[in-house]
């Protein structure tokens, strides 16, 4: 009689729940993201210098696009590093 084996169990992944209205720029009623506000930009950039995604930060797509441009401008003017050492 052949031996019956159980199928391998799937690992459960933890889903991050994004709260509605979590966008920090919407809460603060920001009209435009300023490239000179380095403190805010550093919160949205990883230690390696990469921009965090929308799923992780909860930023709306409109502000994510503005954030991308602000980070690029801040890097060009040496307010933010391109790559952290």
C-alpha atoms as a PDB file:
ATOM      1  CA  UNK A   1       0.000   0.000   0.000  1.00  0.00           C
ATOM      2  CA  UNK A   2       1.489   3.427  -1.003  1.00  0.00           C
ATOM      3  CA  UNK A   3       2.293   5.888   1.688  1.00  0.00           C
ATOM      4  CA  UNK A   4       0.051   8.980   1.780  1.00  0.00           C
ATOM      5  CA  UNK A   5       1.846  12.199   2.489  1.00  0.00           C
ATOM      6  CA  UNK A   6       0.322  15.471   3.431  1.00  0.00           C
ATOM      7  CA  UNK A   7       0.864  18.428   1.106  1.00  0.00           C
ATOM      8  CA  UNK A   8       3.312  21.000   2.508  1.00  0.00           C
ATOM      9  CA  UNK A   9       1.751  23.750   4.568  1.00  0.00           C
ATOM     10  CA  UNK A  10       1.774  27.240   3.134  1.00  0.00           C
ATOM     11  CA  UNK A  11       3.432  29.900   5.211  1.00  0.00           C
ATOM     12  CA  UNK A  12       1.035  32.535   6.404  1.00  0.00           C
ATOM     13  CA  UNK A  13       2.079  36.011   5.414  1.00  0.00           C
ATOM     14  CA  UNK A  14       1.290  38.942   7.598  1.00  0.00           C
ATOM     15  CA  UNK A  15      -0.629  41.539   5.687  1.00  0.00           C
ATOM     16  CA  UNK A  16       0.036  45.144   6.515  1.00  0.00           C
ATOM     17  CA  UNK A  17      -3.224  46.951   6.945  1.00  0.00           C
ATOM     18  CA  UNK A  18      -3.110  50.456   5.598  1.00  0.00           C
ATOM     19  CA  UNK A  19      -5.485  52.757   7.397  1.00  0.00           C
ATOM     20  CA  UNK A  20      -7.662  55.000   5.324  1.00  0.00           C
ATOM     21  CA  UNK A  21      -6.456  58.566   5.323  1.00  0.00           C
ATOM     22  CA  UNK A  22      -2.949  57.573   6.348  1.00  0.00           C
ATOM     23  CA  UNK A  23      -1.282  59.915   3.867  1.00  0.00           C
ATOM     24  CA  UNK A  24       0.760  62.295   6.005  1.00  0.00           C
ATOM     25  CA  UNK A  25       0.566  65.031   3.394  1.00  0.00           C
ATOM     26  CA  UNK A  26      -3.234  64.852   3.226  1.00  0.00           C
ATOM     27  CA  UNK A  27      -3.506  64.956   7.010  1.00  0.00           C
ATOM     28  CA  UNK A  28      -1.255  68.001   7.181  1.00  0.00           C
ATOM     29  CA  UNK A  29      -3.170  69.595   4.283  1.00  0.00           C
ATOM     30  CA  UNK A  30       0.010  70.137   2.284  1.00  0.00           C
ATOM     31  CA  UNK A  31      -0.563  71.667  -1.146  1.00  0.00           C
ATOM     32  CA  UNK A  32       2.909  71.001  -2.537  1.00  0.00           C
ATOM     33  CA  UNK A  33       5.914  69.068  -1.228  1.00  0.00           C
ATOM     34  CA  UNK A  34       8.932  71.318  -0.778  1.00  0.00           C
ATOM     35  CA  UNK A  35      12.375  69.999  -1.736  1.00  0.00           C
ATOM     36  CA  UNK A  36      13.942  72.183   0.983  1.00  0.00           C
ATOM     37  CA  UNK A  37      12.110  70.297   3.757  1.00  0.00           C
ATOM     38  CA  UNK A  38      14.896  67.756   4.238  1.00  0.00           C
ATOM     39  CA  UNK A  39      13.510  66.285   7.473  1.00  0.00           C
ATOM     40  CA  UNK A  40      10.302  65.134   5.757  1.00  0.00           C
ATOM     41  CA  UNK A  41      12.161  63.835   2.719  1.00  0.00           C
ATOM     42  CA  UNK A  42      14.552  61.776   4.868  1.00  0.00           C
ATOM     43  CA  UNK A  43      11.591  59.981   6.468  1.00  0.00           C
ATOM     44  CA  UNK A  44      10.482  58.842   3.015  1.00  0.00           C
ATOM     45  CA  UNK A  45      13.933  57.617   1.908  1.00  0.00           C
ATOM     46  CA  UNK A  46      15.610  54.398   3.098  1.00  0.00           C
ATOM     47  CA  UNK A  47      19.121  54.179   4.564  1.00  0.00           C
ATOM     48  CA  UNK A  48      20.386  53.147   1.134  1.00  0.00           C
ATOM     49  CA  UNK A  49      18.889  56.254  -0.427  1.00  0.00           C
ATOM     50  CA  UNK A  50      15.916  54.554  -2.077  1.00  0.00           C
ATOM     51  CA  UNK A  51      12.469  56.080  -1.985  1.00  0.00           C
ATOM     52  CA  UNK A  52       9.947  54.020  -0.002  1.00  0.00           C
ATOM     53  CA  UNK A  53       6.927  52.768  -1.930  1.00  0.00           C
ATOM     54  CA  UNK A  54       3.338  53.871  -1.534  1.00  0.00           C
ATOM     55  CA  UNK A  55       2.304  50.666   0.199  1.00  0.00           C
ATOM     56  CA  UNK A  56       4.836  51.162   2.932  1.00  0.00           C
ATOM     57  CA  UNK A  57       4.321  54.870   3.529  1.00  0.00           C
ATOM     58  CA  UNK A  58       0.616  55.129   2.704  1.00  0.00           C
ATOM     59  CA  UNK A  59       1.232  58.183   0.543  1.00  0.00           C
ATOM     60  CA  UNK A  60      -1.332  59.042  -2.126  1.00  0.00           C
ATOM     61  CA  UNK A  61      -0.189  58.677  -5.736  1.00  0.00           C
ATOM     62  CA  UNK A  62      -0.404  62.416  -6.375  1.00  0.00           C
ATOM     63  CA  UNK A  63       1.949  63.166  -3.494  1.00  0.00           C
ATOM     64  CA  UNK A  64       4.206  60.202  -4.324  1.00  0.00           C
ATOM     65  CA  UNK A  65       4.925  61.760  -7.721  1.00  0.00           C
ATOM     66  CA  UNK A  66       5.613  65.146  -6.126  1.00  0.00           C
ATOM     67  CA  UNK A  67       7.812  63.447  -3.534  1.00  0.00           C
ATOM     68  CA  UNK A  68       9.855  61.797  -6.271  1.00  0.00           C
ATOM     69  CA  UNK A  69      10.564  65.161  -7.883  1.00  0.00           C
ATOM     70  CA  UNK A  70      11.353  66.795  -4.540  1.00  0.00           C
ATOM     71  CA  UNK A  71      13.881  64.070  -3.667  1.00  0.00           C
ATOM     72  CA  UNK A  72      15.531  64.403  -7.082  1.00  0.00           C
ATOM     73  CA  UNK A  73      15.826  68.174  -6.664  1.00  0.00           C
ATOM     74  CA  UNK A  74      17.174  67.851  -3.120  1.00  0.00           C
ATOM     75  CA  UNK A  75      19.785  65.347  -4.301  1.00  0.00           C
ATOM     76  CA  UNK A  76      20.848  67.619  -7.157  1.00  0.00           C
ATOM     77  CA  UNK A  77      21.345  70.509  -4.730  1.00  0.00           C
ATOM     78  CA  UNK A  78      23.223  68.209  -2.288  1.00  0.00           C
ATOM     79  CA  UNK A  79      20.573  68.498   0.428  1.00  0.00           C
ATOM     80  CA  UNK A  80      20.137  64.707   0.334  1.00  0.00           C
ATOM     81  CA  UNK A  81      22.769  62.106  -0.543  1.00  0.00           C
ATOM     82  CA  UNK A  82      22.311  59.963  -3.634  1.00  0.00           C
ATOM     83  CA  UNK A  83      23.640  56.907  -1.789  1.00  0.00           C
ATOM     84  CA  UNK A  84      24.324  56.518   1.928  1.00  0.00           C
ATOM     85  CA  UNK A  85      27.686  55.093   2.956  1.00  0.00           C
END
